[in-house]
Protein backbone atom coordinates (compact mmCIF):
# COMPACT_ATOMS: atom_id res chain seq x y z
CA UNK A 1 26.66 -16.41 3.89
CA UNK A 2 26.24 -16.67 7.47
CA UNK A 3 23.65 -19.08 9.46
CA UNK A 4 21.96 -16.43 11.01
CA UNK A 5 21.25 -14.49 7.70
CA UNK A 6 20.60 -17.05 6.23
CA UNK A 7 17.17 -18.20 8.15
CA UNK A 8 16.73 -14.47 8.40
CA UNK A 9 16.17 -14.58 4.33
CA UNK A 10 14.16 -17.58 4.61
CA UNK A 11 12.18 -16.03 7.04
CA UNK A 12 11.45 -13.31 5.11
CA UNK A 13 10.77 -15.03 1.94
CA UNK A 14 8.32 -16.71 3.56
CA UNK A 15 6.81 -13.83 5.21
CA UNK A 16 6.78 -12.11 1.81
CA UNK A 17 5.20 -15.29 0.15
CA UNK A 18 2.02 -15.13 2.56
CA UNK A 19 1.97 -11.60 1.63
CA UNK A 20 2.39 -12.55 -2.03
CA UNK A 21 -0.05 -15.39 -2.40
CA UNK A 22 -2.68 -15.99 0.04
CA UNK A 23 -5.56 -13.28 -0.32
CA UNK A 24 -7.03 -10.86 2.41
CA UNK A 25 -9.52 -13.29 2.97
CA UNK A 26 -7.22 -16.02 4.30
CA UNK A 27 -5.27 -13.44 6.47
CA UNK A 28 -7.92 -12.17 7.37
CA UNK A 29 -9.46 -15.26 8.56
CA UNK A 30 -6.11 -16.94 10.08
CA UNK A 31 -5.21 -13.15 11.85
CA UNK A 32 -3.64 -15.16 14.47
CA UNK A 33 -1.64 -18.07 13.09
CA UNK A 34 0.04 -14.68 11.12
CA UNK A 35 0.46 -13.08 14.44
CA UNK A 36 2.33 -15.45 15.97
CA UNK A 37 4.44 -15.94 12.99
CA UNK A 38 4.96 -11.91 13.00
CA UNK A 39 6.12 -12.19 16.02
CA UNK A 40 8.58 -15.46 16.13
CA UNK A 41 10.53 -13.27 12.97
CA UNK A 42 10.72 -10.37 14.85
CA UNK A 43 12.12 -11.87 17.71
CA UNK A 44 14.57 -13.63 15.06
CA UNK A 45 15.51 -10.96 13.18
CA UNK A 46 16.06 -8.23 16.09
CA UNK A 47 18.46 -10.42 17.90
CA UNK A 48 21.73 -9.37 18.28
CA UNK A 49 21.15 -6.39 16.60
CA UNK A 50 22.03 -3.12 17.89
CA UNK A 51 20.19 -0.31 16.28
CA UNK A 52 16.37 -1.33 15.80
CA UNK A 53 14.84 -0.24 18.76
CA UNK A 54 15.63 3.24 19.22
CA UNK A 55 14.88 6.14 20.50
CA UNK A 56 14.87 7.72 17.41
CA UNK A 57 11.66 5.58 16.78
CA UNK A 58 9.94 8.09 18.99
CA UNK A 59 7.42 9.20 16.33
CA UNK A 60 6.09 5.77 15.82
CA UNK A 61 5.45 5.29 18.96
CA UNK A 62 3.52 8.48 18.87
CA UNK A 63 1.73 7.70 16.51
CA UNK A 64 0.68 4.32 18.14
CA UNK A 65 -0.43 6.37 21.04
CA UNK A 66 -2.36 8.70 19.07
CA UNK A 67 -4.44 5.89 17.69
CA UNK A 68 -6.11 4.84 20.78
CA UNK A 69 -8.05 8.04 20.08
CA UNK A 70 -10.23 5.89 17.46
CA UNK A 71 -11.41 4.28 20.41
CA UNK A 72 -12.66 6.44 23.43
CA UNK A 73 -15.94 8.05 21.23
CA UNK A 74 -16.48 4.81 19.24
CA UNK A 75 -20.15 3.63 19.62
CA UNK A 76 -19.37 -0.01 18.92
CA UNK A 77 -16.37 0.11 21.61
CA UNK A 78 -15.89 -3.65 20.48
CA UNK A 79 -15.04 -3.19 16.80
CA UNK A 80 -12.63 -0.11 17.32
CA UNK A 81 -10.17 -1.47 20.05
CA UNK A 82 -10.14 -4.69 17.73
CA UNK A 83 -9.09 -2.16 14.53
CA UNK A 84 -6.59 -0.53 16.98
CA UNK A 85 -5.25 -3.67 18.23
CA UNK A 86 -4.92 -4.68 14.50
CA UNK A 87 -2.95 -1.18 13.46
CA UNK A 88 -1.25 -1.03 15.74
CA UNK A 89 0.35 -4.81 15.74
CA UNK A 90 0.88 -4.88 12.16
CA UNK A 91 2.78 -1.45 12.42
CA UNK A 92 5.19 -2.35 15.25
CA UNK A 93 6.03 -5.78 13.94
CA UNK A 94 6.10 -5.08 10.65
CA UNK A 95 8.34 -1.73 11.05
CA UNK A 96 10.64 -3.56 13.04
CA UNK A 97 10.96 -6.62 11.25
CA UNK A 98 11.92 -4.65 7.88
CA UNK A 99 14.18 -2.09 10.13
CA UNK A 100 16.63 -5.38 11.63
CA UNK A 101 16.46 -7.12 8.09
CA UNK A 102 17.19 -3.95 6.15
CA UNK A 103 19.82 -2.72 8.43
CA UNK A 104 22.07 -5.43 6.85
CA UNK A 105 23.29 -3.70 3.64
CA UNK A 106 24.40 -7.04 2.95
CA UNK A 107 21.39 -8.93 2.39
CA UNK A 108 19.79 -5.76 0.69
CA UNK A 109 20.33 -7.18 -3.07
CA UNK A 110 18.75 -10.63 -1.71
CA UNK A 111 15.94 -9.01 -0.15
CA UNK A 112 15.35 -6.81 -3.60
CA UNK A 113 15.59 -10.16 -5.13
CA UNK A 114 12.90 -11.98 -2.87
CA UNK A 115 10.97 -9.33 -3.66
CA UNK A 116 11.18 -9.35 -7.78
CA UNK A 117 10.74 -13.16 -7.63
CA UNK A 118 7.76 -13.22 -6.05
CA UNK A 119 6.77 -10.79 -7.81
CA UNK A 120 7.17 -11.73 -11.07
CA UNK A 121 5.08 -15.16 -10.58
CA UNK A 122 2.25 -13.17 -9.31
CA UNK A 123 2.01 -10.71 -12.15
CA UNK A 124 2.08 -13.50 -14.19
CA UNK A 125 -1.09 -14.87 -12.40
CA UNK A 126 -2.41 -12.22 -13.51
CA UNK A 127 -1.45 -11.62 -16.91
CA UNK A 128 -2.71 -15.02 -17.62
CA UNK A 129 -5.80 -14.35 -15.48
CA UNK A 130 -6.10 -11.58 -18.18
CA UNK A 131 -6.04 -13.92 -20.95
CA UNK A 132 -7.89 -17.09 -19.81
CA UNK A 133 -10.48 -15.05 -18.21
CA UNK A 134 -10.34 -17.17 -15.38
CA UNK A 135 -8.93 -17.64 -11.85
CA UNK A 136 -9.21 -20.69 -10.16
CA UNK A 137 -8.40 -19.01 -7.09
CA UNK A 138 -11.68 -17.92 -6.78
CA UNK A 139 -13.77 -19.91 -9.11
CA UNK A 140 -12.78 -22.83 -6.33
CA UNK A 141 -11.55 -22.14 -3.32
CA UNK A 142 -12.04 -18.74 -2.28
CA UNK A 143 -15.06 -16.51 -2.53
CA UNK A 144 -14.42 -13.20 -3.65
CA UNK A 145 -17.41 -10.39 -4.42
CA UNK A 146 -15.03 -8.55 -6.60
CA UNK A 147 -14.27 -11.42 -8.89
CA UNK A 148 -17.08 -11.14 -11.08
CA UNK A 149 -16.81 -6.93 -11.56
CA UNK A 150 -13.53 -7.48 -12.46
CA UNK A 151 -13.11 -10.94 -13.98
CA UNK A 152 -11.38 -10.49 -17.65
CA UNK A 153 -10.96 -6.81 -17.59
CA UNK A 154 -8.68 -5.57 -14.75
CA UNK A 155 -6.34 -8.31 -13.09
CA UNK A 156 -6.80 -9.73 -9.59
CA UNK A 157 -4.00 -12.78 -9.29
CA UNK A 158 -3.45 -13.61 -5.75
CA UNK A 159 -4.75 -10.35 -4.30
CA UNK A 160 -8.19 -10.03 -4.58
CA UNK A 161 -9.31 -6.78 -5.70
CA UNK A 162 -7.49 -4.92 -9.10
CA UNK A 163 -6.33 -1.84 -6.42
CA UNK A 164 -4.70 -4.00 -4.24
CA UNK A 165 -2.60 -5.79 -6.82
CA UNK A 166 -1.82 -2.34 -8.03
CA UNK A 167 -0.73 -1.47 -4.28
CA UNK A 168 1.29 -4.61 -3.99
CA UNK A 169 3.22 -4.10 -7.62
CA UNK A 170 3.97 -0.57 -6.15
CA UNK A 171 5.90 -1.85 -3.24
CA UNK A 172 7.60 -4.33 -5.66
CA UNK A 173 8.80 -1.93 -8.34
CA UNK A 174 11.27 0.26 -6.84
CA UNK A 175 13.03 -3.09 -6.04
CA UNK A 176 13.26 -4.39 -9.98
CA UNK A 177 14.98 -1.04 -9.99
CA UNK A 178 17.57 -1.89 -7.57
CA UNK A 179 18.13 -5.36 -9.31
CA UNK A 180 18.29 -3.74 -12.86
CA UNK A 181 21.39 -1.71 -11.62
CA UNK A 182 23.20 -4.85 -10.94
CA UNK A 183 26.76 -5.77 -12.02
CA UNK A 184 25.80 -9.09 -13.41
CA UNK A 185 24.06 -9.22 -16.76
CA UNK A 186 21.94 -12.13 -15.67
CA UNK A 187 20.58 -9.99 -12.70
CA UNK A 188 20.27 -6.82 -14.59
CA UNK A 189 18.37 -8.88 -17.32
CA UNK A 190 16.00 -10.38 -14.66
CA UNK A 191 15.11 -6.66 -13.21
CA UNK A 192 14.16 -5.38 -16.23
CA UNK A 193 12.14 -8.35 -17.21
CA UNK A 194 10.36 -7.72 -13.60
CA UNK A 195 10.41 -4.07 -14.37
CA UNK A 196 8.35 -4.46 -17.82
CA UNK A 197 6.08 -6.98 -16.01
CA UNK A 198 5.15 -4.82 -12.64
CA UNK A 199 3.82 -1.90 -14.97
CA UNK A 200 2.12 -4.10 -17.60
CA UNK A 201 0.39 -5.21 -14.85
CA UNK A 202 0.41 -1.84 -12.75
CA UNK A 203 -1.11 -0.34 -16.20
CA UNK A 204 -3.61 -3.75 -16.72
CA UNK A 205 -5.32 -2.92 -13.27
CA UNK A 206 -6.65 0.51 -14.72
CA UNK A 207 -6.62 1.77 -11.36
CA UNK A 208 -6.40 5.36 -11.28
CA UNK A 209 -5.05 5.69 -7.13
CA UNK A 210 -2.66 3.04 -8.45
CA UNK A 211 -1.36 5.17 -11.78
CA UNK A 212 -0.99 8.14 -10.08
CA UNK A 213 1.10 6.35 -6.92
CA UNK A 214 2.93 4.99 -9.81
CA UNK A 215 3.88 8.41 -11.62
CA UNK A 216 5.01 10.07 -8.34
CA UNK A 217 7.21 6.44 -7.01
CA UNK A 218 9.35 7.27 -10.94
CA UNK A 219 9.18 11.25 -10.56
CA UNK A 220 10.46 10.93 -7.04
CA UNK A 221 12.98 7.87 -8.31
CA UNK A 222 14.53 9.59 -10.91
CA UNK A 223 14.63 12.79 -9.13
CA UNK A 224 16.89 11.10 -6.39
CA UNK A 225 18.97 10.14 -9.17
CA UNK A 226 19.29 13.19 -10.85
CA UNK A 227 17.58 12.06 -14.14
CA UNK A 228 16.52 15.51 -15.24
CA UNK A 229 16.17 14.47 -18.98
CA UNK A 230 14.32 11.50 -17.74
CA UNK A 231 11.68 13.34 -15.37
CA UNK A 232 11.01 15.69 -18.68
CA UNK A 233 10.24 12.53 -20.99
CA UNK A 234 8.26 11.13 -18.12
CA UNK A 235 5.83 14.32 -17.88
CA UNK A 236 5.43 14.58 -21.85
CA UNK A 237 4.61 10.85 -22.10
CA UNK A 238 2.13 11.64 -19.18
CA UNK A 239 0.37 14.27 -21.13
CA UNK A 240 0.58 12.33 -24.62
CA UNK A 241 -1.01 9.09 -22.32
CA UNK A 242 -3.45 11.06 -21.17
CA UNK A 243 -4.51 13.08 -23.82
CA UNK A 244 -4.63 9.35 -25.65
CA UNK A 245 -6.60 7.69 -23.28
CA UNK A 246 -9.08 10.54 -23.13
CA UNK A 247 -10.17 9.24 -26.92
CA UNK A 248 -9.86 5.82 -26.51
CA UNK A 249 -12.56 3.47 -27.15
CA UNK A 250 -11.62 1.03 -24.80
CA UNK A 251 -13.17 1.63 -20.76
CA UNK A 252 -10.05 0.46 -18.91
CA UNK A 253 -8.00 2.83 -21.17
CA UNK A 254 -9.73 5.87 -20.81
CA UNK A 255 -9.54 5.72 -17.42
CA UNK A 256 -6.61 7.17 -17.15
CA UNK A 257 -7.52 9.97 -19.85
CA UNK A 258 -8.44 13.55 -18.36
CA UNK A 259 -12.08 13.19 -18.16
CA UNK A 260 -11.83 10.03 -15.67
CA UNK A 261 -8.52 10.73 -14.29
CA UNK A 262 -8.70 14.24 -12.87
CA UNK A 263 -12.39 16.19 -13.70
CA UNK A 264 -15.48 15.41 -15.76
CA UNK A 265 -16.87 11.95 -14.43
CA UNK A 266 -18.71 11.27 -11.18
CA UNK A 267 -15.40 9.58 -9.14
CA UNK A 268 -12.30 11.57 -10.75
CA UNK A 269 -9.95 13.33 -8.90
CA UNK A 270 -11.83 16.88 -8.76
CA UNK A 271 -16.20 15.34 -8.64
CA UNK A 272 -19.05 15.17 -6.89
CA UNK A 273 -18.60 11.86 -5.38
CA UNK A 274 -15.40 12.78 -3.93
CA UNK A 275 -16.70 16.09 -2.64
CA UNK A 276 -19.55 14.52 -1.12
CA UNK A 277 -16.97 12.25 1.28
CA UNK A 278 -15.02 15.48 1.90
CA UNK A 279 -18.30 16.82 3.06
CA UNK A 280 -18.73 13.56 4.96
CA UNK A 281 -15.37 13.87 6.86
CA UNK A 282 -15.96 17.19 8.08
CA UNK A 283 -18.76 16.69 9.44
CA UNK A 284 -17.65 13.91 11.31
CA UNK A 285 -14.50 15.87 12.52
CA UNK A 286 -16.49 18.76 13.24
CA UNK A 287 -18.69 16.82 15.43
CA UNK A 288 -15.84 14.46 17.18
CA UNK A 289 -12.91 16.98 16.59
CA UNK A 290 -10.45 15.37 19.04
CA UNK A 291 -10.54 11.99 19.10
CA UNK A 292 -12.49 11.57 16.41
CA UNK A 293 -15.69 8.71 15.47
CA UNK A 294 -14.02 5.67 16.33
CA UNK A 295 -12.48 3.15 14.36
CA UNK A 296 -14.68 0.94 11.97
CA UNK A 297 -17.91 3.49 12.78
CA UNK A 298 -18.23 5.06 9.46
CA UNK A 299 -20.40 1.99 7.51
CA UNK A 300 -22.02 2.25 10.60
CA UNK A 301 -22.83 5.72 10.91
CA UNK A 302 -22.70 6.57 7.04
CA UNK A 303 -26.65 7.93 7.03
CA UNK A 304 -25.82 10.13 10.30
CA UNK A 305 -23.31 11.82 7.95
CA UNK A 306 -23.95 11.44 4.17
CA UNK A 307 -26.58 13.47 1.88
CA UNK A 308 -30.30 12.29 1.98
CA UNK A 309 -30.05 11.15 -1.31
CA UNK A 310 -27.06 9.19 -0.80
CA UNK A 311 -28.72 7.00 2.44
CA UNK A 312 -29.17 3.73 0.04
CA UNK A 313 -25.79 4.00 -1.04
CA UNK A 314 -24.50 -0.17 -1.10
CA UNK A 315 -22.75 -1.18 2.11
CA UNK A 316 -19.43 -1.56 -0.41
CA UNK A 317 -19.50 2.52 -0.92
CA UNK A 318 -20.23 3.58 2.22
CA UNK A 319 -16.71 4.69 2.97
CA UNK A 320 -14.69 7.80 2.51
CA UNK A 321 -12.69 5.86 0.00
CA UNK A 322 -9.49 8.35 0.83
CA UNK A 323 -7.53 6.48 3.61
CA UNK A 324 -6.46 10.23 5.04
CA UNK A 325 -9.62 11.03 5.06
CA UNK A 326 -10.69 8.25 7.33
CA UNK A 327 -7.74 8.92 9.71
CA UNK A 328 -9.16 12.31 10.04
CA UNK A 329 -12.70 11.07 10.67
CA UNK A 330 -11.77 7.75 12.62
CA UNK A 331 -9.34 9.23 14.95
CA UNK A 332 -9.42 12.57 15.78
CA UNK A 333 -6.78 15.80 14.94
CA UNK A 334 -4.75 14.13 17.63
CA UNK A 335 -4.58 10.58 15.62
CA UNK A 336 -4.55 12.64 12.63
CA UNK A 337 -1.36 14.65 14.01
CA UNK A 338 0.38 11.57 15.39
CA UNK A 339 0.27 9.51 11.84
CA UNK A 340 1.71 12.99 10.14
CA UNK A 341 4.62 13.01 12.33
CA UNK A 342 5.03 9.71 11.85
CA UNK A 343 4.92 10.08 7.49
CA UNK A 344 6.98 13.09 8.05
CA UNK A 345 10.26 11.72 10.09
CA UNK A 346 10.03 8.35 8.13
CA UNK A 347 10.60 11.15 4.88
CA UNK A 348 12.92 12.70 6.60
CA UNK A 349 15.11 9.51 7.76
CA UNK A 350 14.64 8.20 4.43
CA UNK A 351 16.17 11.37 3.10
CA UNK A 352 19.32 11.05 5.55
CA UNK A 353 20.30 7.80 5.15
CA UNK A 354 19.83 7.55 1.38
CA UNK A 355 17.36 4.86 1.39
CA UNK A 356 16.08 5.56 -2.51
CA UNK A 357 14.81 2.25 -3.13
CA UNK A 358 12.22 1.86 -0.19
CA UNK A 359 11.41 4.90 0.06
CA UNK A 360 10.30 5.56 -3.86
CA UNK A 361 7.79 2.90 -2.55
CA UNK A 362 6.39 4.29 0.33
CA UNK A 363 6.28 7.57 -1.57
CA UNK A 364 3.78 5.94 -4.37
CA UNK A 365 2.20 3.38 -1.69
CA UNK A 366 0.92 7.73 0.06
CA UNK A 367 -0.40 8.46 -3.00
CA UNK A 368 -2.61 5.46 -3.51
CA UNK A 369 -3.89 5.52 -0.12
CA UNK A 370 -5.30 9.02 -1.51
CA UNK A 371 -7.74 6.84 -2.90
CA UNK A 372 -8.68 4.16 -0.96
CA UNK A 373 -8.41 2.47 2.74
CA UNK A 374 -4.69 1.04 2.42
CA UNK A 375 -4.86 0.78 6.31
CA UNK A 376 -8.12 -1.71 6.20
CA UNK A 377 -6.32 -4.09 3.57
CA UNK A 378 -3.70 -6.36 5.66
CA UNK A 379 -1.45 -6.92 2.52
CA UNK A 380 -0.84 -3.47 1.76
CA UNK A 381 -1.40 -2.28 4.85
CA UNK A 382 1.69 -4.65 5.89
CA UNK A 383 3.64 -3.74 2.98
CA UNK A 384 3.26 0.48 4.20
CA UNK A 385 4.60 -0.50 7.42
CA UNK A 386 7.28 -3.28 6.48
CA UNK A 387 8.50 -0.35 3.72
CA UNK A 388 8.53 2.47 7.00
CA UNK A 389 11.32 -0.30 8.56
CA UNK A 390 13.42 -0.24 5.16
CA UNK A 391 13.21 3.22 4.80
CA UNK A 392 14.36 4.12 8.52
CA UNK A 393 17.36 0.87 8.64
CA UNK A 394 20.60 1.93 9.79
CA UNK A 395 23.74 0.00 8.27
CA UNK A 396 25.57 -2.19 11.04
């Protein structure tokens, strides 16, 4: 292995280790050294490589420029500027880090192996947490308001929240597929082990948006591989699972039943909670159609746009709980158009490049972010931008 490639892999392992083992509270607190670290990795990984910074990446720059709309009409411009810098810096650095690293075809299997090894450790911590009903990370070292909500029932592991843990594993899962297709028997068995652990913990998070992202990831992967019979089997299994979960006495399993997942409960896909958030987003975009209400303004303006009976909603739930609605409300039609153009072009590039593995994870996260503000959680947002870079990478 060339020395430069080895150092690139070590840097990537360090980066993915930071994302895997440092909860979001730590990456928020120490964001300045994280920024320096990202710049160092980008500078080193891009040295001597062609086709990293290309004119064909213009949709990325259009998206970044369109995001400036989220500053224009914000009441708290300091918070809005900070949010814009965070969004744009992470997007640009992680996208080009991913693109430069994944452009080396010979490194892709090693990148997948690093992801699977670290992902397996995170999964094992989550499984141990479920059995022990304890997580030393949040009991001794890091304050986590979600810990008392979920401990013993839904795993958090190193990722601070079950939904974030599920998003992390959606990122990891396609790379386990890649390892499981290896010609080496030990690697193939390791890939199947990782796949089993990742799916187990994804389901254990009992997150419905993660579950939907997981299903769409599988459907895309099987479709791309031409596995028609497996697609039919998966859909039948899904229907059976929803039926079983609908009548389960276990509260977490019941979350995957028809009532909690599709319609019939307060926060299912078709529900009062979701419709209220859509109405709020509509009210915001009606008042600020072009450039939006501004980044980090939804909580502070929540009572201006919610129904009267919801004015006493707790701080945690003063959100639109949907990244697409949040982008639309915060950056207006211009910001949303820039975002959708970027997403469309990434998917199109992935299909042209036949980047099935990273594109499967990217699609899984796109579905997942329909149920929470993924961009406002550093770790999954970094993974989202990294996957976009992987998808758009060319072979050298």
